[in-house]
C-alpha atoms as a PDB file:
ATOM      1  CA  MET A   1      -7.299 -12.008  20.507  1.00  0.00           C
ATOM      2  CA  ILE A   2      -6.432  -8.793  19.830  1.00  0.00           C
ATOM      3  CA  ALA A   3      -3.592  -9.112  21.956  1.00  0.00           C
ATOM      4  CA  ALA A   4      -2.250 -12.223  20.082  1.00  0.00           C
ATOM      5  CA  LEU A   5      -2.993  -9.813  16.937  1.00  0.00           C
ATOM      6  CA  PHE A   6      -0.923  -7.040  18.251  1.00  0.00           C
ATOM      7  CA  VAL A   7       2.064  -9.299  19.671  1.00  0.00           C
ATOM      8  CA  ALA A   8       2.159 -11.237  16.236  1.00  0.00           C
ATOM      9  CA  LEU A   9       2.302  -7.928  14.339  1.00  0.00           C
ATOM     10  CA  GLY A  10       5.150  -6.594  17.151  1.00  0.00           C
ATOM     11  CA  ILE A  11       6.901  -9.687  16.052  1.00  0.00           C
ATOM     12  CA  LEU A  12       6.740  -9.372  12.746  1.00  0.00           C
ATOM     13  CA  THR A  13       7.520  -5.688  12.754  1.00  0.00           C
ATOM     14  CA  ILE A  14      10.830  -6.628  14.081  1.00  0.00           C
ATOM     15  CA  ALA A  15      11.404  -9.141  11.887  1.00  0.00           C
ATOM     16  CA  PHE A  16      11.141  -6.688   9.467  1.00  0.00           C
ATOM     17  CA  VAL A  17      13.131  -4.371  10.718  1.00  0.00           C
ATOM     18  CA  ALA A  18      16.167  -6.670  11.437  1.00  0.00           C
ATOM     19  CA  VAL A  19      16.164  -8.264   8.078  1.00  0.00           C
ATOM     20  CA  TRP A  20      16.414  -4.428   6.417  1.00  0.00           C
ATOM     21  CA  PHE A  21      18.971  -3.314   8.571  1.00  0.00           C
ATOM     22  CA  THR A  22      20.819  -6.539   7.723  1.00  0.00           C
ATOM     23  CA  GLU A  23      20.755  -6.470   4.534  1.00  0.00           C
ATOM     24  CA  ALA A  24      21.626  -3.000   4.295  1.00  0.00           C
ATOM     25  CA  ARG A  25      24.947  -3.579   6.124  1.00  0.00           C
ATOM     26  CA  LYS A  26      25.402  -6.382   3.984  1.00  0.00           C
ATOM     27  CA  HIS A  27      24.902  -4.427   0.923  1.00  0.00           C
ATOM     28  CA  PRO A  28      26.443  -1.081   0.685  1.00  0.00           C
ATOM     29  CA  ASP A  29      26.351  -1.210  -3.131  1.00  0.00           C
ATOM     30  CA  MET A  30      22.182  -1.462  -2.748  1.00  0.00           C
ATOM     31  CA  PRO A  31      20.258   0.985  -4.956  1.00  0.00           C
ATOM     32  CA  ASP A  32      20.278   4.768  -4.164  1.00  0.00           C
ATOM     33  CA  PRO A  33      22.204   3.860  -0.629  1.00  0.00           C
ATOM     34  CA  GLY A  34      22.444   6.860   2.068  1.00  0.00           C
ATOM     35  CA  ALA A  35      20.373   9.028   4.542  1.00  0.00           C
ATOM     36  CA  PRO A  36      17.045  10.718   3.520  1.00  0.00           C
ATOM     37  CA  ASP A  37      16.781  13.926   2.487  1.00  0.00           C
ATOM     38  CA  ALA A  38      13.624  16.518   3.819  1.00  0.00           C
ATOM     39  CA  GLU A  39      12.140  15.742   0.198  1.00  0.00           C
ATOM     40  CA  ARG A  40      11.579  12.399   0.739  1.00  0.00           C
ATOM     41  CA  ILE A  41      10.640  12.149   4.247  1.00  0.00           C
ATOM     42  CA  ALA A  42       8.031  15.032   3.271  1.00  0.00           C
ATOM     43  CA  VAL A  43       6.984  12.553   0.909  1.00  0.00           C
ATOM     44  CA  GLY A  44       6.278   9.937   3.368  1.00  0.00           C
ATOM     45  CA  PHE A  45       4.293  12.277   5.859  1.00  0.00           C
ATOM     46  CA  PHE A  46       2.285  13.573   3.453  1.00  0.00           C
ATOM     47  CA  ALA A  47       1.177  10.213   1.498  1.00  0.00           C
ATOM     48  CA  ASN A  48       0.583   8.311   4.739  1.00  0.00           C
ATOM     49  CA  PHE A  49      -1.297  11.636   6.534  1.00  0.00           C
ATOM     50  CA  PHE A  50      -3.820  10.740   3.478  1.00  0.00           C
ATOM     51  CA  ASP A  51      -3.475   6.924   3.656  1.00  0.00           C
ATOM     52  CA  ALA A  52      -4.786   7.024   7.234  1.00  0.00           C
ATOM     53  CA  LEU A  53      -8.156   8.630   5.949  1.00  0.00           C
ATOM     54  CA  GLY A  54      -8.627   6.432   3.259  1.00  0.00           C
ATOM     55  CA  ILE A  55      -7.096   7.917   0.418  1.00  0.00           C
ATOM     56  CA  GLY A  56      -4.085   5.782  -0.020  1.00  0.00           C
ATOM     57  CA  SER A  57      -0.564   5.865  -0.238  1.00  0.00           C
ATOM     58  CA  PHE A  58       0.871   4.220  -3.581  1.00  0.00           C
ATOM     59  CA  ALA A  59      -0.725   6.335  -6.097  1.00  0.00           C
ATOM     60  CA  THR A  60      -0.045   9.597  -4.749  1.00  0.00           C
ATOM     61  CA  THR A  61       3.884   8.414  -3.720  1.00  0.00           C
ATOM     62  CA  THR A  62       4.424   6.997  -7.111  1.00  0.00           C
ATOM     63  CA  THR A  63       3.177  10.143  -9.004  1.00  0.00           C
ATOM     64  CA  TYR A  64       5.462  12.499  -6.884  1.00  0.00           C
ATOM     65  CA  VAL A  65       8.629  10.154  -7.371  1.00  0.00           C
ATOM     66  CA  ARG A  66       8.154   9.767 -11.163  1.00  0.00           C
ATOM     67  CA  LEU A  67       7.781  13.332 -11.310  1.00  0.00           C
ATOM     68  CA  ARG A  68      10.628  14.345  -9.725  1.00  0.00           C
ATOM     69  CA  LYS A  69      12.704  11.256 -10.439  1.00  0.00           C
ATOM     70  CA  LEU A  70      13.402  10.291  -7.142  1.00  0.00           C
ATOM     71  CA  VAL A  71      12.682   6.384  -7.858  1.00  0.00           C
ATOM     72  CA  ALA A  72      13.587   4.654 -11.318  1.00  0.00           C
ATOM     73  CA  ASP A  73      10.634   2.877 -12.260  1.00  0.00           C
ATOM     74  CA  GLU A  74      11.908  -0.868 -11.767  1.00  0.00           C
ATOM     75  CA  LEU A  75      12.440  -0.144  -7.777  1.00  0.00           C
ATOM     76  CA  ILE A  76       9.165   1.418  -7.068  1.00  0.00           C
ATOM     77  CA  PRO A  77       7.169  -1.737  -6.103  1.00  0.00           C
ATOM     78  CA  GLY A  78      10.051  -2.461  -3.979  1.00  0.00           C
ATOM     79  CA  THR A  79      10.146   1.285  -2.494  1.00  0.00           C
ATOM     80  CA  LEU A  80       6.396   1.632  -2.201  1.00  0.00           C
ATOM     81  CA  ASN A  81       6.033  -1.956   0.155  1.00  0.00           C
ATOM     82  CA  VAL A  82       9.633  -1.221   2.435  1.00  0.00           C
ATOM     83  CA  GLY A  83       9.124   2.752   2.501  1.00  0.00           C
ATOM     84  CA  HIS A  84       5.364   2.232   3.552  1.00  0.00           C
ATOM     85  CA  CYS A  85       5.633  -0.626   5.665  1.00  0.00           C
ATOM     86  CA  LEU A  86       6.349   0.746   9.578  1.00  0.00           C
ATOM     87  CA  PRO A  87       3.705   3.687   9.003  1.00  0.00           C
ATOM     88  CA  THR A  88       0.763   1.472   8.186  1.00  0.00           C
ATOM     89  CA  ILE A  89       2.067  -0.903  10.818  1.00  0.00           C
ATOM     90  CA  THR A  90       1.434   2.369  12.713  1.00  0.00           C
ATOM     91  CA  GLN A  91      -1.936   3.064  11.625  1.00  0.00           C
ATOM     92  CA  ALA A  92      -2.514  -0.495  12.254  1.00  0.00           C
ATOM     93  CA  PHE A  93      -1.966  -0.780  15.771  1.00  0.00           C
ATOM     94  CA  ILE A  94      -4.035   2.793  16.749  1.00  0.00           C
ATOM     95  CA  GLY A  95      -6.883   1.338  14.143  1.00  0.00           C
ATOM     96  CA  ILE A  96      -7.552  -1.855  15.323  1.00  0.00           C
ATOM     97  CA  ALA A  97      -7.146  -0.364  18.954  1.00  0.00           C
ATOM     98  CA  ILE A  98     -10.295   2.410  18.818  1.00  0.00           C
ATOM     99  CA  ILE A  99     -12.045   1.259  15.987  1.00  0.00           C
ATOM    100  CA  GLU A 100     -14.689  -1.759  16.482  1.00  0.00           C
ATOM    101  CA  VAL A 101     -14.817  -4.954  14.054  1.00  0.00           C
ATOM    102  CA  ASP A 102     -15.420  -8.657  14.237  1.00  0.00           C
ATOM    103  CA  VAL A 103     -12.551  -9.795  15.252  1.00  0.00           C
ATOM    104  CA  PRO A 104     -12.199 -13.350  13.658  1.00  0.00           C
ATOM    105  CA  THR A 105     -13.214 -11.387  10.310  1.00  0.00           C
ATOM    106  CA  LEU A 106     -10.379  -9.333  11.479  1.00  0.00           C
ATOM    107  CA  VAL A 107      -7.576 -12.104  11.586  1.00  0.00           C
ATOM    108  CA  LEU A 108      -9.010 -14.186   8.917  1.00  0.00           C
ATOM    109  CA  MET A 109      -9.302 -11.177   6.027  1.00  0.00           C
ATOM    110  CA  ILE A 110      -5.686 -10.091   7.070  1.00  0.00           C
ATOM    111  CA  ALA A 111      -4.536 -14.114   6.827  1.00  0.00           C
ATOM    112  CA  ALA A 112      -5.695 -14.529   3.196  1.00  0.00           C
ATOM    113  CA  ALA A 113      -4.208 -10.869   2.293  1.00  0.00           C
ATOM    114  CA  VAL A 114      -0.714 -12.092   3.722  1.00  0.00           C
ATOM    115  CA  ALA A 115      -0.853 -15.273   1.798  1.00  0.00           C
ATOM    116  CA  GLY A 116      -1.643 -13.378  -1.356  1.00  0.00           C
ATOM    117  CA  SER A 117       1.043 -10.479  -0.733  1.00  0.00           C
ATOM    118  CA  TRP A 118       3.489 -13.299  -0.424  1.00  0.00           C
ATOM    119  CA  TYR A 119       2.871 -15.176  -3.568  1.00  0.00           C
ATOM    120  CA  GLY A 120       2.661 -11.524  -5.228  1.00  0.00           C
ATOM    121  CA  ALA A 121       5.928 -10.100  -4.046  1.00  0.00           C
ATOM    122  CA  GLY A 122       7.786 -13.094  -5.173  1.00  0.00           C
ATOM    123  CA  VAL A 123       6.604 -12.634  -8.587  1.00  0.00           C
ATOM    124  CA  VAL A 124       6.946  -8.748  -9.152  1.00  0.00           C
ATOM    125  CA  ALA A 125      10.360  -8.634  -7.319  1.00  0.00           C
ATOM    126  CA  LYS A 126      11.943 -10.727 -10.583  1.00  0.00           C
ATOM    127  CA  MET A 127       9.766  -8.784 -13.160  1.00  0.00           C
ATOM    128  CA  PRO A 128      11.809  -6.406 -16.182  1.00  0.00           C
ATOM    129  CA  ARG A 129      11.981  -2.560 -15.820  1.00  0.00           C
ATOM    130  CA  ARG A 130       9.150  -2.497 -18.820  1.00  0.00           C
ATOM    131  CA  ALA A 131       6.617  -5.135 -17.059  1.00  0.00           C
ATOM    132  CA  ILE A 132       6.739  -3.282 -13.976  1.00  0.00           C
ATOM    133  CA  GLN A 133       6.211   0.654 -16.018  1.00  0.00           C
ATOM    134  CA  VAL A 134       3.392  -1.694 -17.755  1.00  0.00           C
ATOM    135  CA  GLY A 135       1.785  -3.380 -14.456  1.00  0.00           C
ATOM    136  CA  MET A 136       2.176  -0.159 -12.556  1.00  0.00           C
ATOM    137  CA  GLY A 137       0.241   1.968 -15.468  1.00  0.00           C
ATOM    138  CA  VAL A 138      -2.610  -0.182 -15.304  1.00  0.00           C
ATOM    139  CA  ALA A 139      -2.298  -0.610 -11.967  1.00  0.00           C
ATOM    140  CA  LEU A 140      -2.562   3.309 -11.650  1.00  0.00           C
ATOM    141  CA  LEU A 141      -5.456   3.625 -14.199  1.00  0.00           C
ATOM    142  CA  ILE A 142      -7.482   0.854 -11.768  1.00  0.00           C
ATOM    143  CA  ALA A 143      -6.768   2.739  -8.630  1.00  0.00           C
ATOM    144  CA  ALA A 144      -8.022   5.893 -10.364  1.00  0.00           C
ATOM    145  CA  GLY A 145     -11.414   3.948 -11.222  1.00  0.00           C
ATOM    146  CA  PHE A 146     -11.612   3.002  -7.284  1.00  0.00           C
ATOM    147  CA  MET A 147     -11.072   6.635  -6.418  1.00  0.00           C
ATOM    148  CA  PHE A 148     -13.647   8.026  -9.091  1.00  0.00           C
ATOM    149  CA  ALA A 149     -16.357   5.170  -7.595  1.00  0.00           C
ATOM    150  CA  LYS A 150     -15.673   6.562  -3.824  1.00  0.00           C
ATOM    151  CA  ALA A 151     -15.900  10.072  -5.176  1.00  0.00           C
ATOM    152  CA  THR A 152     -18.990   9.984  -7.112  1.00  0.00           C
ATOM    153  CA  GLY A 153     -20.510   7.870  -4.397  1.00  0.00           C
ATOM    154  CA  VAL A 154     -20.655   4.709  -6.890  1.00  0.00           C
ATOM    155  CA  MET A 155     -19.216   2.802  -3.969  1.00  0.00           C
ATOM    156  CA  PRO A 156     -21.412   0.694  -2.372  1.00  0.00           C
ATOM    157  CA  SER A 157     -22.614   2.361   0.670  1.00  0.00           C
ATOM    158  CA  GLY A 158     -22.320  -0.605   2.875  1.00  0.00           C
ATOM    159  CA  GLY A 159     -24.732  -2.173   5.903  1.00  0.00           C
ATOM    160  CA  GLU A 160     -24.554  -2.317   9.424  1.00  0.00           C
ATOM    161  CA  THR A 161     -22.866  -5.366  10.437  1.00  0.00           C
ATOM    162  CA  LEU A 162     -19.071  -5.663  12.022  1.00  0.00           C
ATOM    163  CA  GLY A 163     -18.402  -8.971  10.782  1.00  0.00           C
ATOM    164  CA  LEU A 164     -18.998 -12.028   7.586  1.00  0.00           C
ATOM    165  CA  SER A 165     -21.423 -14.704   7.624  1.00  0.00           C
ATOM    166  CA  GLY A 166     -22.821 -17.295   5.550  1.00  0.00           C
ATOM    167  CA  VAL A 167     -21.393 -17.064   1.644  1.00  0.00           C
ATOM    168  CA  GLY A 168     -19.474 -13.909   2.671  1.00  0.00           C
ATOM    169  CA  TRP A 169     -16.972 -15.567   4.010  1.00  0.00           C
ATOM    170  CA  ALA A 170     -15.763 -17.646   1.390  1.00  0.00           C
ATOM    171  CA  ILE A 171     -16.324 -14.419  -1.073  1.00  0.00           C
ATOM    172  CA  GLY A 172     -14.622 -12.133   1.447  1.00  0.00           C
ATOM    173  CA  LEU A 173     -11.457 -14.196   1.545  1.00  0.00           C
ATOM    174  CA  VAL A 174     -10.657 -15.402  -1.671  1.00  0.00           C
ATOM    175  CA  GLY A 175     -11.125 -11.109  -2.415  1.00  0.00           C
ATOM    176  CA  SER A 176      -8.718 -10.627   0.325  1.00  0.00           C
ATOM    177  CA  PHE A 177      -6.019 -13.001  -0.868  1.00  0.00           C
ATOM    178  CA  PHE A 178      -6.391 -11.368  -4.506  1.00  0.00           C
ATOM    179  CA  LEU A 179      -6.062  -8.206  -3.409  1.00  0.00           C
ATOM    180  CA  GLY A 180      -2.867  -8.847  -1.237  1.00  0.00           C
ATOM    181  CA  SER A 181      -1.638 -10.751  -4.131  1.00  0.00           C
ATOM    182  CA  ILE A 182      -1.726  -7.366  -6.430  1.00  0.00           C
ATOM    183  CA  MET A 183      -0.546  -5.079  -3.623  1.00  0.00           C
ATOM    184  CA  PRO A 184       2.907  -5.571  -4.559  1.00  0.00           C
ATOM    185  CA  LEU A 185       2.160  -4.217  -8.008  1.00  0.00           C
ATOM    186  CA  GLY A 186       1.550  -1.008  -6.666  1.00  0.00           C
ATOM    187  CA  ILE A 187      -2.203  -0.947  -6.462  1.00  0.00           C
ATOM    188  CA  GLY A 188      -3.174  -0.167  -3.367  1.00  0.00           C
ATOM    189  CA  TYR A 189      -5.065  -2.284  -0.957  1.00  0.00           C
ATOM    190  CA  TYR A 190      -7.457   0.611   1.059  1.00  0.00           C
ATOM    191  CA  ALA A 191      -9.925   1.248  -1.677  1.00  0.00           C
ATOM    192  CA  PRO A 192     -10.505  -1.918  -3.433  1.00  0.00           C
ATOM    193  CA  ALA A 193     -10.927  -3.459   0.030  1.00  0.00           C
ATOM    194  CA  MET A 194     -13.243  -0.889   1.296  1.00  0.00           C
ATOM    195  CA  ILE A 195     -15.368  -1.706  -1.917  1.00  0.00           C
ATOM    196  CA  LEU A 196     -15.315  -5.813  -1.519  1.00  0.00           C
ATOM    197  CA  ILE A 197     -16.485  -4.820   2.388  1.00  0.00           C
ATOM    198  CA  SER A 198     -19.146  -2.735   1.585  1.00  0.00           C
ATOM    199  CA  MET A 199     -20.722  -5.313  -0.794  1.00  0.00           C
ATOM    200  CA  LEU A 200     -20.679  -7.328   1.812  1.00  0.00           C
ATOM    201  CA  GLY A 201     -22.690  -5.720   3.654  1.00  0.00           C
ATOM    202  CA  MET A 202     -20.512  -4.605   6.433  1.00  0.00           C
ATOM    203  CA  SER A 203     -19.896  -1.501   7.731  1.00  0.00           C
ATOM    204  CA  PRO A 204     -17.695   0.447   5.717  1.00  0.00           C
ATOM    205  CA  ARG A 205     -16.321   1.991   9.107  1.00  0.00           C
ATOM    206  CA  ALA A 206     -15.230  -1.775   9.942  1.00  0.00           C
ATOM    207  CA  ALA A 207     -13.387  -1.353   6.759  1.00  0.00           C
ATOM    208  CA  PHE A 208     -10.380   0.326   8.531  1.00  0.00           C
ATOM    209  CA  PRO A 209      -9.138  -1.905  10.767  1.00  0.00           C
ATOM    210  CA  ILE A 210      -9.508  -4.674   8.296  1.00  0.00           C
ATOM    211  CA  MET A 211      -7.742  -2.694   5.770  1.00  0.00           C
ATOM    212  CA  MET A 212      -4.667  -1.020   8.131  1.00  0.00           C
ATOM    213  CA  GLY A 213      -4.654  -4.513   9.816  1.00  0.00           C
ATOM    214  CA  ALA A 214      -4.016  -6.475   6.531  1.00  0.00           C
ATOM    215  CA  CYS A 215      -1.455  -3.976   5.039  1.00  0.00           C
ATOM    216  CA  ALA A 216       0.456  -3.707   8.143  1.00  0.00           C
ATOM    217  CA  PHE A 217       0.878  -7.808   7.828  1.00  0.00           C
ATOM    218  CA  LEU A 218       1.199  -7.816   4.463  1.00  0.00           C
ATOM    219  CA  MET A 219       3.419  -5.478   4.001  1.00  0.00           C
ATOM    220  CA  PRO A 220       6.699  -6.497   5.951  1.00  0.00           C
ATOM    221  CA  VAL A 221       6.172 -10.272   4.032  1.00  0.00           C
ATOM    222  CA  ALA A 222       5.900  -8.663   0.519  1.00  0.00           C
ATOM    223  CA  GLY A 223       9.021  -6.213   1.715  1.00  0.00           C
ATOM    224  CA  MET A 224      11.402  -8.484   3.231  1.00  0.00           C
ATOM    225  CA  GLN A 225      11.691  -9.954  -0.227  1.00  0.00           C
ATOM    226  CA  PHE A 226      12.108  -6.561  -2.026  1.00  0.00           C
ATOM    227  CA  VAL A 227      14.677  -5.987   0.524  1.00  0.00           C
ATOM    228  CA  ARG A 228      16.671  -9.272  -0.289  1.00  0.00           C
ATOM    229  CA  LYS A 229      16.483  -9.225  -3.814  1.00  0.00           C
ATOM    230  CA  GLN A 230      17.591  -5.625  -3.449  1.00  0.00           C
ATOM    231  CA  ARG A 231      14.707  -4.324  -5.674  1.00  0.00           C
ATOM    232  CA  HIS A 232      14.186  -1.025  -3.549  1.00  0.00           C
ATOM    233  CA  SER A 233      15.333   2.349  -3.366  1.00  0.00           C
ATOM    234  CA  HIS A 234      16.914   2.409   0.286  1.00  0.00           C
ATOM    235  CA  ARG A 235      17.390   6.316   0.453  1.00  0.00           C
ATOM    236  CA  ALA A 236      13.914   6.522  -0.548  1.00  0.00           C
ATOM    237  CA  SER A 237      12.458   3.756   1.477  1.00  0.00           C
ATOM    238  CA  VAL A 238      13.914   5.002   4.541  1.00  0.00           C
ATOM    239  CA  GLY A 239      12.624   8.691   4.021  1.00  0.00           C
ATOM    240  CA  LEU A 240       9.321   7.410   3.648  1.00  0.00           C
ATOM    241  CA  ALA A 241       9.109   5.569   6.645  1.00  0.00           C
ATOM    242  CA  ILE A 242      10.378   8.197   9.262  1.00  0.00           C
ATOM    243  CA  GLY A 243       7.853  10.906   7.538  1.00  0.00           C
ATOM    244  CA  GLY A 244       5.319   8.184   7.102  1.00  0.00           C
ATOM    245  CA  VAL A 245       5.156   6.991  11.173  1.00  0.00           C
ATOM    246  CA  PHE A 246       4.984  10.611  11.883  1.00  0.00           C
ATOM    247  CA  GLY A 247       1.886  11.491   9.373  1.00  0.00           C
ATOM    248  CA  SER A 248      -0.123   8.082   9.820  1.00  0.00           C
ATOM    249  CA  ALA A 249      -0.261   8.724  13.748  1.00  0.00           C
ATOM    250  CA  LEU A 250      -1.198  12.938  13.405  1.00  0.00           C
ATOM    251  CA  ALA A 251      -4.102  12.348  11.190  1.00  0.00           C
ATOM    252  CA  LEU A 252      -5.501   9.062  13.178  1.00  0.00           C
ATOM    253  CA  LEU A 253      -5.287  11.455  16.422  1.00  0.00           C
ATOM    254  CA  VAL A 254      -5.006  14.808  15.930  1.00  0.00           C
ATOM    255  CA  ILE A 255      -7.564  15.322  12.403  1.00  0.00           C
ATOM    256  CA  LYS A 256     -11.174  15.030  13.133  1.00  0.00           C
ATOM    257  CA  GLU A 257     -12.483  16.898  10.028  1.00  0.00           C
ATOM    258  CA  LEU A 258     -11.613  17.237   6.881  1.00  0.00           C
ATOM    259  CA  ASP A 259     -13.169  17.963   3.369  1.00  0.00           C
ATOM    260  CA  LEU A 260     -11.605  15.154   1.507  1.00  0.00           C
ATOM    261  CA  LYS A 261     -13.638  14.839  -1.895  1.00  0.00           C
ATOM    262  CA  LYS A 262     -11.693  17.936  -3.300  1.00  0.00           C
ATOM    263  CA  VAL A 263      -8.438  15.861  -2.509  1.00  0.00           C
ATOM    264  CA  THR A 264      -9.522  12.680  -3.560  1.00  0.00           C
ATOM    265  CA  TRP A 265     -10.140  14.637  -7.120  1.00  0.00           C
ATOM    266  CA  LEU A 266      -6.794  15.876  -7.247  1.00  0.00           C
ATOM    267  CA  VAL A 267      -5.498  12.418  -6.459  1.00  0.00           C
ATOM    268  CA  PHE A 268      -7.429  11.435  -9.028  1.00  0.00           C
ATOM    269  CA  VAL A 269      -6.228  13.344 -11.975  1.00  0.00           C
ATOM    270  CA  VAL A 270      -2.814  13.381 -10.936  1.00  0.00           C
ATOM    271  CA  VAL A 271      -2.861   9.053 -10.939  1.00  0.00           C
ATOM    272  CA  ILE A 272      -4.655   9.059 -14.013  1.00  0.00           C
ATOM    273  CA  TYR A 273      -1.850  11.254 -15.783  1.00  0.00           C
ATOM    274  CA  THR A 274       0.963   9.096 -14.199  1.00  0.00           C
ATOM    275  CA  GLY A 275      -0.725   5.939 -15.355  1.00  0.00           C
ATOM    276  CA  ILE A 276      -0.608   7.053 -18.939  1.00  0.00           C
ATOM    277  CA  SER A 277       2.858   8.452 -18.556  1.00  0.00           C
ATOM    278  CA  LEU A 278       3.877   5.290 -17.425  1.00  0.00           C
ATOM    279  CA  LEU A 279       2.265   3.185 -20.153  1.00  0.00           C
ATOM    280  CA  ARG A 280       3.530   5.638 -22.434  1.00  0.00           C
ATOM    281  CA  THR A 281       7.281   5.109 -21.279  1.00  0.00           C
ATOM    282  CA  ALA A 282       6.784   1.721 -21.697  1.00  0.00           C
ATOM    283  CA  ALA A 283       5.539   2.195 -25.371  1.00  0.00           C
ATOM    284  CA  ARG A 284       8.768   4.270 -26.087  1.00  0.00           C
ATOM    285  CA  GLU A 285      11.245   2.286 -24.283  1.00  0.00           C
ATOM    286  CA  LYS A 286      10.137  -0.913 -26.493  1.00  0.00           C
ATOM    287  CA  ALA A 287      10.012   1.131 -29.781  1.00  0.00           C
ATOM    288  CA  ALA A 288      13.530   2.179 -28.970  1.00  0.00           C
ATOM    289  CA  THR A 289      14.415  -1.627 -28.384  1.00  0.00           C
ATOM    290  CA  THR A 290      12.825  -2.602 -31.283  1.00  0.00           C
ATOM    291  CA  LYS A 291      14.803  -0.362 -34.040  1.00  0.00           C
ATOM    292  CA  ALA A 292      18.085  -1.146 -32.107  1.00  0.00           C
END
């Protein structure tokens, strides 16, 4: 079944790349066209390096691109889903191959997340700029909450099982669908999925192939919608993809030990800042519109 999963992921990857390439050629007037520079590639490398280690890439990328004004706010959700897609697929191929997990649980959790992502991306891609600012601001503060829970040990430690059983099936699949549906808005799947899996009594280690596999399948599904609707920064997305593939592979294949707790606390602080910044920007733009 794992072989079939890899074949399906390979086919989906080809479809995603084909749609992205075709739409890019059809729309030379796309948002932010052109080749990526070293800065955008470096963002992809470091964001996905730490993403493969469980910290996440969405919040860190959002913080940096807003600080440097590399991507317009309304294009950030699409840029995250398109640009981090290929790096996440890289993580999935490696993670599923080297980490043991119950295969039926893996497959069904992935399917539920993909279904949720398809629904969520269709909604987010049509949202106006201010709604995205508010949504991502709230999303980042929620993500910061998950980071805080992880860094302080509040997050459930989990059990030893490698798969779901009993009522856990229903909770796990509904939870995975929900997390997939909100991921296109900018809430990473990794941290909340790890909490969900741990609460259901599974080993936290088993969470990695599930998280990576789910994101690898749902991000092309969401990404193709953003690409077709021209709701992403092409230049930034290409840079994230190029750098991210190498960052993901390095983290999973080379790095054995790293003090992630200090890094997590740093990310926590900047994510809180960015979330509040987005909400303040949305409030200022609303006030300016009202006065006009």
